[in-house]
């Protein structure tokens, strides 16, 4: 599944392997695209999520909100791979020590 948001630089492509979904996100995750990222990360039947944000260049409060919702939904079954920009935003917002956040 490949979803395009309002920003042509944004994409969220999901690949499922059984009950594990991996979503590769690129570009800017903001108010216009955060819901699309969330939708790509919540397909029916998914029990585990890897959210690859290594190609994300901008991450705002709407993106943080979507990520917190995903953390609640997937509980102990979420892994987030951050870009340096995402890592910085999460550190500043106090979320840099979450167990789902990979180094």
PDB file of N, CA and C in Angstrom:
ATOM      1  N   UNK A   1       0.850  -1.172   0.000  1.00  0.00           N
ATOM      2  CA  UNK A   1       0.000   0.000   0.000  1.00  0.00           C
ATOM      3  C   UNK A   1       0.891   1.229   0.000  1.00  0.00           C
ATOM      4  N   UNK A   2       0.698   2.139  -0.899  1.00  0.00           N
ATOM      5  CA  UNK A   2       1.463   3.370  -0.972  1.00  0.00           C
ATOM      6  C   UNK A   2       0.470   4.511  -0.957  1.00  0.00           C
ATOM      7  N   UNK A   3       0.610   5.403   0.027  1.00  0.00           N
ATOM      8  CA  UNK A   3      -0.348   6.487   0.174  1.00  0.00           C
ATOM      9  C   UNK A   3       0.366   7.808   0.022  1.00  0.00           C
ATOM     10  N   UNK A   4      -0.222   8.687  -0.749  1.00  0.00           N
ATOM     11  CA  UNK A   4       0.322  10.016  -0.943  1.00  0.00           C
ATOM     12  C   UNK A   4      -0.491  11.023  -0.146  1.00  0.00           C
ATOM     13  N   UNK A   5       0.175  11.884   0.594  1.00  0.00           N
ATOM     14  CA  UNK A   5      -0.497  12.940   1.325  1.00  0.00           C
ATOM     15  C   UNK A   5      -0.544  14.201   0.479  1.00  0.00           C
ATOM     16  N   UNK A   6      -0.894  15.322   1.123  1.00  0.00           N
ATOM     17  CA  UNK A   6      -0.990  16.591   0.421  1.00  0.00           C
ATOM     18  C   UNK A   6       0.372  17.071  -0.061  1.00  0.00           C
ATOM     19  N   UNK A   7       1.432  16.695   0.636  1.00  0.00           N
ATOM     20  CA  UNK A   7       2.789  17.078   0.271  1.00  0.00           C
ATOM     21  C   UNK A   7       3.338  16.043  -0.705  1.00  0.00           C
ATOM     22  N   UNK A   8       3.745  16.473  -1.886  1.00  0.00           N
ATOM     23  CA  UNK A   8       4.233  15.523  -2.887  1.00  0.00           C
ATOM     24  C   UNK A   8       5.537  14.848  -2.457  1.00  0.00           C
ATOM     25  N   UNK A   9       6.226  15.388  -1.458  1.00  0.00           N
ATOM     26  CA  UNK A   9       7.446  14.776  -0.945  1.00  0.00           C
ATOM     27  C   UNK A   9       7.168  13.700   0.097  1.00  0.00           C
ATOM     28  N   UNK A  10       5.932  13.564   0.514  1.00  0.00           N
ATOM     29  CA  UNK A  10       5.548  12.609   1.551  1.00  0.00           C
ATOM     30  C   UNK A  10       5.074  11.302   0.932  1.00  0.00           C
ATOM     31  N   UNK A  11       5.479  10.200   1.550  1.00  0.00           N
ATOM     32  CA  UNK A  11       4.874   8.916   1.212  1.00  0.00           C
ATOM     33  C   UNK A  11       4.938   8.013   2.434  1.00  0.00           C
ATOM     34  N   UNK A  12       3.983   7.104   2.504  1.00  0.00           N
ATOM     35  CA  UNK A  12       3.935   6.099   3.564  1.00  0.00           C
ATOM     36  C   UNK A  12       3.586   4.781   2.889  1.00  0.00           C
ATOM     37  N   UNK A  13       4.578   3.925   2.739  1.00  0.00           N
ATOM     38  CA  UNK A  13       4.392   2.653   2.050  1.00  0.00           C
ATOM     39  C   UNK A  13       4.444   1.513   3.064  1.00  0.00           C
ATOM     40  N   UNK A  14       3.369   0.737   3.121  1.00  0.00           N
ATOM     41  CA  UNK A  14       3.269  -0.363   4.081  1.00  0.00           C
ATOM     42  C   UNK A  14       3.471  -1.702   3.391  1.00  0.00           C
ATOM     43  N   UNK A  15       4.175  -2.589   4.087  1.00  0.00           N
ATOM     44  CA  UNK A  15       4.355  -3.960   3.631  1.00  0.00           C
ATOM     45  C   UNK A  15       4.017  -4.868   4.805  1.00  0.00           C
ATOM     46  N   UNK A  16       3.153  -5.847   4.552  1.00  0.00           N
ATOM     47  CA  UNK A  16       2.753  -6.780   5.602  1.00  0.00           C
ATOM     48  C   UNK A  16       3.452  -8.114   5.419  1.00  0.00           C
ATOM     49  N   UNK A  17       3.830  -8.713   6.540  1.00  0.00           N
ATOM     50  CA  UNK A  17       4.390 -10.060   6.580  1.00  0.00           C
ATOM     51  C   UNK A  17       3.664 -10.761   7.724  1.00  0.00           C
ATOM     52  N   UNK A  18       2.589 -11.424   7.404  1.00  0.00           N
ATOM     53  CA  UNK A  18       1.734 -12.004   8.431  1.00  0.00           C
ATOM     54  C   UNK A  18       1.082 -10.888   9.229  1.00  0.00           C
ATOM     55  N   UNK A  19       1.245 -10.928  10.553  1.00  0.00           N
ATOM     56  CA  UNK A  19       0.651  -9.888  11.398  1.00  0.00           C
ATOM     57  C   UNK A  19       1.619  -8.736  11.683  1.00  0.00           C
ATOM     58  N   UNK A  20       2.799  -8.749  11.020  1.00  0.00           N
ATOM     59  CA  UNK A  20       3.794  -7.690  11.192  1.00  0.00           C
ATOM     60  C   UNK A  20       3.751  -6.757   9.984  1.00  0.00           C
ATOM     61  N   UNK A  21       3.533  -5.478  10.247  1.00  0.00           N
ATOM     62  CA  UNK A  21       3.539  -4.499   9.161  1.00  0.00           C
ATOM     63  C   UNK A  21       4.737  -3.573   9.345  1.00  0.00           C
ATOM     64  N   UNK A  22       5.393  -3.266   8.225  1.00  0.00           N
ATOM     65  CA  UNK A  22       6.479  -2.297   8.203  1.00  0.00           C
ATOM     66  C   UNK A  22       6.034  -1.142   7.331  1.00  0.00           C
ATOM     67  N   UNK A  23       6.146   0.066   7.858  1.00  0.00           N
ATOM     68  CA  UNK A  23       5.764   1.262   7.111  1.00  0.00           C
ATOM     69  C   UNK A  23       7.002   2.122   6.930  1.00  0.00           C
ATOM     70  N   UNK A  24       7.354   2.385   5.685  1.00  0.00           N
ATOM     71  CA  UNK A  24       8.471   3.269   5.337  1.00  0.00           C
ATOM     72  C   UNK A  24       7.887   4.632   4.999  1.00  0.00           C
ATOM     73  N   UNK A  25       8.286   5.626   5.791  1.00  0.00           N
ATOM     74  CA  UNK A  25       7.758   6.980   5.633  1.00  0.00           C
ATOM     75  C   UNK A  25       8.877   7.878   5.133  1.00  0.00           C
ATOM     76  N   UNK A  26       8.568   8.719   4.148  1.00  0.00           N
ATOM     77  CA  UNK A  26       9.542   9.676   3.620  1.00  0.00           C
ATOM     78  C   UNK A  26       8.932  11.066   3.591  1.00  0.00           C
ATOM     79  N   UNK A  27       9.793  12.061   3.655  1.00  0.00           N
ATOM     80  CA  UNK A  27       9.352  13.450   3.525  1.00  0.00           C
ATOM     81  C   UNK A  27       8.918  14.066   4.839  1.00  0.00           C
ATOM     82  N   UNK A  28       7.935  14.946   4.751  1.00  0.00           N
ATOM     83  CA  UNK A  28       7.467  15.710   5.897  1.00  0.00           C
ATOM     84  C   UNK A  28       6.208  15.094   6.489  1.00  0.00           C
ATOM     85  N   UNK A  29       6.247  14.826   7.803  1.00  0.00           N
ATOM     86  CA  UNK A  29       5.061  14.349   8.509  1.00  0.00           C
ATOM     87  C   UNK A  29       4.565  15.523   9.350  1.00  0.00           C
ATOM     88  N   UNK A  30       3.412  16.040   8.957  1.00  0.00           N
ATOM     89  CA  UNK A  30       2.859  17.220   9.603  1.00  0.00           C
ATOM     90  C   UNK A  30       1.338  17.103   9.660  1.00  0.00           C
ATOM     91  N   UNK A  31       0.669  18.210   9.929  1.00  0.00           N
ATOM     92  CA  UNK A  31      -0.781  18.214  10.048  1.00  0.00           C
ATOM     93  C   UNK A  31      -1.479  17.653   8.802  1.00  0.00           C
ATOM     94  N   UNK A  32      -0.899  17.861   7.648  1.00  0.00           N
ATOM     95  CA  UNK A  32      -1.511  17.408   6.390  1.00  0.00           C
ATOM     96  C   UNK A  32      -1.257  15.932   6.106  1.00  0.00           C
ATOM     97  N   UNK A  33      -0.232  15.330   6.730  1.00  0.00           N
ATOM     98  CA  UNK A  33       0.151  13.966   6.369  1.00  0.00           C
ATOM     99  C   UNK A  33       0.141  12.966   7.526  1.00  0.00           C
ATOM    100  N   UNK A  34       0.061  13.433   8.769  1.00  0.00           N
ATOM    101  CA  UNK A  34       0.142  12.544   9.933  1.00  0.00           C
ATOM    102  C   UNK A  34      -0.966  11.496   9.934  1.00  0.00           C
ATOM    103  N   UNK A  35      -2.181  11.882   9.558  1.00  0.00           N
ATOM    104  CA  UNK A  35      -3.279  10.907   9.526  1.00  0.00           C
ATOM    105  C   UNK A  35      -3.043   9.832   8.466  1.00  0.00           C
ATOM    106  N   UNK A  36      -2.407  10.191   7.367  1.00  0.00           N
ATOM    107  CA  UNK A  36      -2.096   9.219   6.322  1.00  0.00           C
ATOM    108  C   UNK A  36      -1.051   8.232   6.831  1.00  0.00           C
ATOM    109  N   UNK A  37      -0.046   8.738   7.556  1.00  0.00           N
ATOM    110  CA  UNK A  37       0.941   7.841   8.153  1.00  0.00           C
ATOM    111  C   UNK A  37       0.256   6.880   9.125  1.00  0.00           C
ATOM    112  N   UNK A  38      -0.620   7.406   9.962  1.00  0.00           N
ATOM    113  CA  UNK A  38      -1.332   6.576  10.938  1.00  0.00           C
ATOM    114  C   UNK A  38      -2.164   5.505  10.230  1.00  0.00           C
ATOM    115  N   UNK A  39      -2.883   5.893   9.188  1.00  0.00           N
ATOM    116  CA  UNK A  39      -3.721   4.934   8.454  1.00  0.00           C
ATOM    117  C   UNK A  39      -2.875   3.833   7.823  1.00  0.00           C
ATOM    118  N   UNK A  40      -1.721   4.194   7.272  1.00  0.00           N
ATOM    119  CA  UNK A  40      -0.843   3.185   6.667  1.00  0.00           C
ATOM    120  C   UNK A  40      -0.329   2.208   7.717  1.00  0.00           C
ATOM    121  N   UNK A  41      -0.187   2.679   8.957  1.00  0.00           N
ATOM    122  CA  UNK A  41       0.374   1.868  10.034  1.00  0.00           C
ATOM    123  C   UNK A  41      -0.664   1.032  10.775  1.00  0.00           C
ATOM    124  N   UNK A  42      -1.919   1.150  10.389  1.00  0.00           N
ATOM    125  CA  UNK A  42      -2.976   0.445  11.121  1.00  0.00           C
ATOM    126  C   UNK A  42      -3.870  -0.393  10.199  1.00  0.00           C
ATOM    127  N   UNK A  43      -3.275  -1.227   9.367  1.00  0.00           N
ATOM    128  CA  UNK A  43      -4.119  -2.070   8.519  1.00  0.00           C
ATOM    129  C   UNK A  43      -4.793  -3.158   9.357  1.00  0.00           C
ATOM    130  N   UNK A  44      -5.875  -3.660   8.877  1.00  0.00           N
ATOM    131  CA  UNK A  44      -6.597  -4.728   9.554  1.00  0.00           C
ATOM    132  C   UNK A  44      -5.696  -5.945   9.726  1.00  0.00           C
ATOM    133  N   UNK A  45      -5.690  -6.526  10.915  1.00  0.00           N
ATOM    134  CA  UNK A  45      -4.931  -7.740  11.167  1.00  0.00           C
ATOM    135  C   UNK A  45      -3.514  -7.526  11.650  1.00  0.00           C
ATOM    136  N   UNK A  46      -3.044  -6.299  11.698  1.00  0.00           N
ATOM    137  CA  UNK A  46      -1.673  -6.041  12.141  1.00  0.00           C
ATOM    138  C   UNK A  46      -1.582  -6.105  13.661  1.00  0.00           C
ATOM    139  N   UNK A  47      -0.604  -6.839  14.160  1.00  0.00           N
ATOM    140  CA  UNK A  47      -0.374  -6.947  15.591  1.00  0.00           C
ATOM    141  C   UNK A  47       0.973  -6.345  15.998  1.00  0.00           C
ATOM    142  N   UNK A  48       1.899  -6.215  15.033  1.00  0.00           N
ATOM    143  CA  UNK A  48       3.226  -5.652  15.281  1.00  0.00           C
ATOM    144  C   UNK A  48       3.532  -4.633  14.197  1.00  0.00           C
ATOM    145  N   UNK A  49       4.232  -3.567  14.584  1.00  0.00           N
ATOM    146  CA  UNK A  49       4.549  -2.492  13.644  1.00  0.00           C
ATOM    147  C   UNK A  49       5.997  -2.065  13.771  1.00  0.00           C
ATOM    148  N   UNK A  50       6.664  -1.967  12.617  1.00  0.00           N
ATOM    149  CA  UNK A  50       7.944  -1.276  12.514  1.00  0.00           C
ATOM    150  C   UNK A  50       7.681  -0.028  11.686  1.00  0.00           C
ATOM    151  N   UNK A  51       7.935   1.120  12.289  1.00  0.00           N
ATOM    152  CA  UNK A  51       7.723   2.396  11.619  1.00  0.00           C
ATOM    153  C   UNK A  51       9.087   2.979  11.290  1.00  0.00           C
ATOM    154  N   UNK A  52       9.442   2.944  10.016  1.00  0.00           N
ATOM    155  CA  UNK A  52      10.747   3.410   9.555  1.00  0.00           C
ATOM    156  C   UNK A  52      10.637   4.873   9.155  1.00  0.00           C
ATOM    157  N   UNK A  53      11.166   5.732  10.014  1.00  0.00           N
ATOM    158  CA  UNK A  53      11.114   7.185   9.796  1.00  0.00           C
ATOM    159  C   UNK A  53      12.485   7.744   9.412  1.00  0.00           C
ATOM    160  N   UNK A  54      13.394   6.875   8.990  1.00  0.00           N
ATOM    161  CA  UNK A  54      14.767   7.320   8.696  1.00  0.00           C
ATOM    162  C   UNK A  54      14.854   8.284   7.518  1.00  0.00           C
ATOM    163  N   UNK A  55      13.821   8.338   6.665  1.00  0.00           N
ATOM    164  CA  UNK A  55      13.822   9.268   5.530  1.00  0.00           C
ATOM    165  C   UNK A  55      12.895  10.462   5.770  1.00  0.00           C
ATOM    166  N   UNK A  56      12.480  10.672   7.018  1.00  0.00           N
ATOM    167  CA  UNK A  56      11.604  11.801   7.359  1.00  0.00           C
ATOM    168  C   UNK A  56      12.464  13.031   7.608  1.00  0.00           C
ATOM    169  N   UNK A  57      12.071  14.146   6.979  1.00  0.00           N
ATOM    170  CA  UNK A  57      12.835  15.385   7.070  1.00  0.00           C
ATOM    171  C   UNK A  57      12.211  16.422   7.991  1.00  0.00           C
ATOM    172  N   UNK A  58      10.941  16.228   8.347  1.00  0.00           N
ATOM    173  CA  UNK A  58      10.237  17.174   9.216  1.00  0.00           C
ATOM    174  C   UNK A  58       9.190  16.400   9.991  1.00  0.00           C
ATOM    175  N   UNK A  59       9.030  16.700  11.282  1.00  0.00           N
ATOM    176  CA  UNK A  59       8.130  15.953  12.164  1.00  0.00           C
ATOM    177  C   UNK A  59       7.562  16.948  13.157  1.00  0.00           C
ATOM    178  N   UNK A  60       6.242  17.215  13.077  1.00  0.00           N
ATOM    179  CA  UNK A  60       5.660  18.235  13.949  1.00  0.00           C
ATOM    180  C   UNK A  60       4.766  17.622  15.026  1.00  0.00           C
ATOM    181  N   UNK A  61       4.004  18.457  15.722  1.00  0.00           N
ATOM    182  CA  UNK A  61       3.178  17.984  16.828  1.00  0.00           C
ATOM    183  C   UNK A  61       2.071  17.026  16.379  1.00  0.00           C
ATOM    184  N   UNK A  62       1.547  17.205  15.189  1.00  0.00           N
ATOM    185  CA  UNK A  62       0.549  16.260  14.670  1.00  0.00           C
ATOM    186  C   UNK A  62       1.182  14.895  14.455  1.00  0.00           C
ATOM    187  N   UNK A  63       2.423  14.873  14.013  1.00  0.00           N
ATOM    188  CA  UNK A  63       3.154  13.624  13.827  1.00  0.00           C
ATOM    189  C   UNK A  63       3.429  12.968  15.179  1.00  0.00           C
ATOM    190  N   UNK A  64       3.802  13.761  16.181  1.00  0.00           N
ATOM    191  CA  UNK A  64       4.020  13.235  17.524  1.00  0.00           C
ATOM    192  C   UNK A  64       2.733  12.607  18.047  1.00  0.00           C
ATOM    193  N   UNK A  65       1.615  13.290  17.853  1.00  0.00           N
ATOM    194  CA  UNK A  65       0.322  12.767  18.309  1.00  0.00           C
ATOM    195  C   UNK A  65       0.015  11.432  17.637  1.00  0.00           C
ATOM    196  N   UNK A  66       0.231  11.328  16.350  1.00  0.00           N
ATOM    197  CA  UNK A  66       0.000  10.063  15.643  1.00  0.00           C
ATOM    198  C   UNK A  66       0.917   8.972  16.188  1.00  0.00           C
ATOM    199  N   UNK A  67       2.147   9.305  16.481  1.00  0.00           N
ATOM    200  CA  UNK A  67       3.100   8.337  17.006  1.00  0.00           C
ATOM    201  C   UNK A  67       2.700   7.859  18.405  1.00  0.00           C
ATOM    202  N   UNK A  68       2.250   8.772  19.243  1.00  0.00           N
ATOM    203  CA  UNK A  68       1.791   8.397  20.583  1.00  0.00           C
ATOM    204  C   UNK A  68       0.575   7.479  20.483  1.00  0.00           C
ATOM    205  N   UNK A  69      -0.334   7.761  19.558  1.00  0.00           N
ATOM    206  CA  UNK A  69      -1.491   6.886  19.336  1.00  0.00           C
ATOM    207  C   UNK A  69      -1.044   5.496  18.878  1.00  0.00           C
ATOM    208  N   UNK A  70      -0.060   5.436  18.005  1.00  0.00           N
ATOM    209  CA  UNK A  70       0.464   4.137  17.558  1.00  0.00           C
ATOM    210  C   UNK A  70       1.123   3.389  18.719  1.00  0.00           C
ATOM    211  N   UNK A  71       1.818   4.116  19.588  1.00  0.00           N
ATOM    212  CA  UNK A  71       2.420   3.494  20.760  1.00  0.00           C
ATOM    213  C   UNK A  71       1.383   2.879  21.675  1.00  0.00           C
ATOM    214  N   UNK A  72       0.258   3.537  21.830  1.00  0.00           N
ATOM    215  CA  UNK A  72      -0.822   2.989  22.653  1.00  0.00           C
ATOM    216  C   UNK A  72      -1.486   1.801  21.974  1.00  0.00           C
ATOM    217  N   UNK A  73      -1.658   1.879  20.673  1.00  0.00           N
ATOM    218  CA  UNK A  73      -2.318   0.807  19.926  1.00  0.00           C
ATOM    219  C   UNK A  73      -1.479  -0.461  19.885  1.00  0.00           C
ATOM    220  N   UNK A  74      -0.189  -0.317  19.652  1.00  0.00           N
ATOM    221  CA  UNK A  74       0.678  -1.482  19.497  1.00  0.00           C
ATOM    222  C   UNK A  74       1.392  -1.875  20.797  1.00  0.00           C
ATOM    223  N   UNK A  75       1.205  -1.121  21.866  1.00  0.00           N
ATOM    224  CA  UNK A  75       1.777  -1.414  23.193  1.00  0.00           C
ATOM    225  C   UNK A  75       3.233  -1.869  23.074  1.00  0.00           C
ATOM    226  N   UNK A  76       3.520  -3.125  23.336  1.00  0.00           N
ATOM    227  CA  UNK A  76       4.892  -3.633  23.314  1.00  0.00           C
ATOM    228  C   UNK A  76       5.303  -4.181  21.950  1.00  0.00           C
ATOM    229  N   UNK A  77       4.559  -3.868  20.921  1.00  0.00           N
ATOM    230  CA  UNK A  77       4.816  -4.438  19.596  1.00  0.00           C
ATOM    231  C   UNK A  77       5.145  -3.361  18.562  1.00  0.00           C
ATOM    232  N   UNK A  78       5.737  -2.245  19.015  1.00  0.00           N
ATOM    233  CA  UNK A  78       6.091  -1.139  18.125  1.00  0.00           C
ATOM    234  C   UNK A  78       7.589  -0.900  18.171  1.00  0.00           C
ATOM    235  N   UNK A  79       8.186  -0.730  16.982  1.00  0.00           N
ATOM    236  CA  UNK A  79       9.576  -0.307  16.856  1.00  0.00           C
ATOM    237  C   UNK A  79       9.596   0.890  15.915  1.00  0.00           C
ATOM    238  N   UNK A  80      10.220   1.970  16.355  1.00  0.00           N
ATOM    239  CA  UNK A  80      10.336   3.176  15.540  1.00  0.00           C
ATOM    240  C   UNK A  80      11.808   3.412  15.240  1.00  0.00           C
ATOM    241  N   UNK A  81      12.126   3.533  13.951  1.00  0.00           N
ATOM    242  CA  UNK A  81      13.479   3.827  13.481  1.00  0.00           C
ATOM    243  C   UNK A  81      13.505   5.297  13.068  1.00  0.00           C
ATOM    244  N   UNK A  82      14.082   6.190  13.895  1.00  0.00           N
ATOM    245  CA  UNK A  82      13.986   7.624  13.624  1.00  0.00           C
ATOM    246  C   UNK A  82      15.116   8.162  12.742  1.00  0.00           C
ATOM    247  N   UNK A  83      14.811   9.208  12.005  1.00  0.00           N
ATOM    248  CA  UNK A  83      15.851  10.004  11.349  1.00  0.00           C
ATOM    249  C   UNK A  83      16.439  10.925  12.428  1.00  0.00           C
ATOM    250  N   UNK A  84      17.568  11.575  12.157  1.00  0.00           N
ATOM    251  CA  UNK A  84      18.102  12.528  13.140  1.00  0.00           C
ATOM    252  C   UNK A  84      17.102  13.640  13.485  1.00  0.00           C
ATOM    253  N   UNK A  85      16.334  14.103  12.491  1.00  0.00           N
ATOM    254  CA  UNK A  85      15.344  15.153  12.739  1.00  0.00           C
ATOM    255  C   UNK A  85      14.240  14.650  13.664  1.00  0.00           C
ATOM    256  N   UNK A  86      13.757  13.442  13.408  1.00  0.00           N
ATOM    257  CA  UNK A  86      12.708  12.871  14.254  1.00  0.00           C
ATOM    258  C   UNK A  86      13.250  12.654  15.660  1.00  0.00           C
ATOM    259  N   UNK A  87      14.450  12.113  15.774  1.00  0.00           N
ATOM    260  CA  UNK A  87      15.064  11.876  17.085  1.00  0.00           C
ATOM    261  C   UNK A  87      15.139  13.172  17.883  1.00  0.00           C
ATOM    262  N   UNK A  88      15.550  14.251  17.224  1.00  0.00           N
ATOM    263  CA  UNK A  88      15.675  15.544  17.907  1.00  0.00           C
ATOM    264  C   UNK A  88      14.332  16.014  18.414  1.00  0.00           C
ATOM    265  N   UNK A  89      13.296  15.942  17.595  1.00  0.00           N
ATOM    266  CA  UNK A  89      11.954  16.372  18.005  1.00  0.00           C
ATOM    267  C   UNK A  89      11.454  15.524  19.172  1.00  0.00           C
ATOM    268  N   UNK A  90      11.667  14.218  19.108  1.00  0.00           N
ATOM    269  CA  UNK A  90      11.221  13.341  20.193  1.00  0.00           C
ATOM    270  C   UNK A  90      12.001  13.607  21.483  1.00  0.00           C
ATOM    271  N   UNK A  91      13.297  13.862  21.375  1.00  0.00           N
ATOM    272  CA  UNK A  91      14.088  14.212  22.558  1.00  0.00           C
ATOM    273  C   UNK A  91      13.580  15.503  23.187  1.00  0.00           C
ATOM    274  N   UNK A  92      13.352  16.517  22.370  1.00  0.00           N
ATOM    275  CA  UNK A  92      12.875  17.812  22.870  1.00  0.00           C
ATOM    276  C   UNK A  92      11.499  17.678  23.506  1.00  0.00           C
ATOM    277  N   UNK A  93      10.650  16.833  22.942  1.00  0.00           N
ATOM    278  CA  UNK A  93       9.280  16.682  23.454  1.00  0.00           C
ATOM    279  C   UNK A  93       9.199  15.751  24.663  1.00  0.00           C
ATOM    280  N   UNK A  94      10.310  15.176  25.078  1.00  0.00           N
ATOM    281  CA  UNK A  94      10.324  14.298  26.239  1.00  0.00           C
ATOM    282  C   UNK A  94      10.019  12.854  25.930  1.00  0.00           C
ATOM    283  N   UNK A  95       9.988  12.484  24.654  1.00  0.00           N
ATOM    284  CA  UNK A  95       9.682  11.114  24.249  1.00  0.00           C
ATOM    285  C   UNK A  95      10.920  10.323  23.812  1.00  0.00           C
ATOM    286  N   UNK A  96      12.086  10.879  24.027  1.00  0.00           N
ATOM    287  CA  UNK A  96      13.319  10.245  23.563  1.00  0.00           C
ATOM    288  C   UNK A  96      13.707   8.980  24.277  1.00  0.00           C
ATOM    289  N   UNK A  97      13.032   8.667  25.388  1.00  0.00           N
ATOM    290  CA  UNK A  97      13.382   7.463  26.141  1.00  0.00           C
ATOM    291  C   UNK A  97      12.307   6.377  26.049  1.00  0.00           C
ATOM    292  N   UNK A  98      11.432   6.484  25.078  1.00  0.00           N
ATOM    293  CA  UNK A  98      10.373   5.493  24.932  1.00  0.00           C
ATOM    294  C   UNK A  98      10.956   4.135  24.533  1.00  0.00           C
ATOM    295  N   UNK A  99      10.407   3.050  25.056  1.00  0.00           N
ATOM    296  CA  UNK A  99      10.963   1.732  24.737  1.00  0.00           C
ATOM    297  C   UNK A  99      10.822   1.347  23.266  1.00  0.00           C
ATOM    298  N   UNK A 100       9.895   1.963  22.549  1.00  0.00           N
ATOM    299  CA  UNK A 100       9.688   1.628  21.138  1.00  0.00           C
ATOM    300  C   UNK A 100      10.659   2.357  20.220  1.00  0.00           C
ATOM    301  N   UNK A 101      11.423   3.295  20.756  1.00  0.00           N
ATOM    302  CA  UNK A 101      12.333   4.105  19.938  1.00  0.00           C
ATOM    303  C   UNK A 101      13.692   3.425  19.829  1.00  0.00           C
ATOM    304  N   UNK A 102      14.063   3.033  18.606  1.00  0.00           N
ATOM    305  CA  UNK A 102      15.345   2.357  18.369  1.00  0.00           C
ATOM    306  C   UNK A 102      16.472   3.387  18.297  1.00  0.00           C
ATOM    307  N   UNK A 103      17.691   2.919  18.583  1.00  0.00           N
ATOM    308  CA  UNK A 103      18.878   3.796  18.490  1.00  0.00           C
ATOM    309  C   UNK A 103      19.266   4.016  17.062  1.00  0.00           C
TER     310      UNK A 103
END
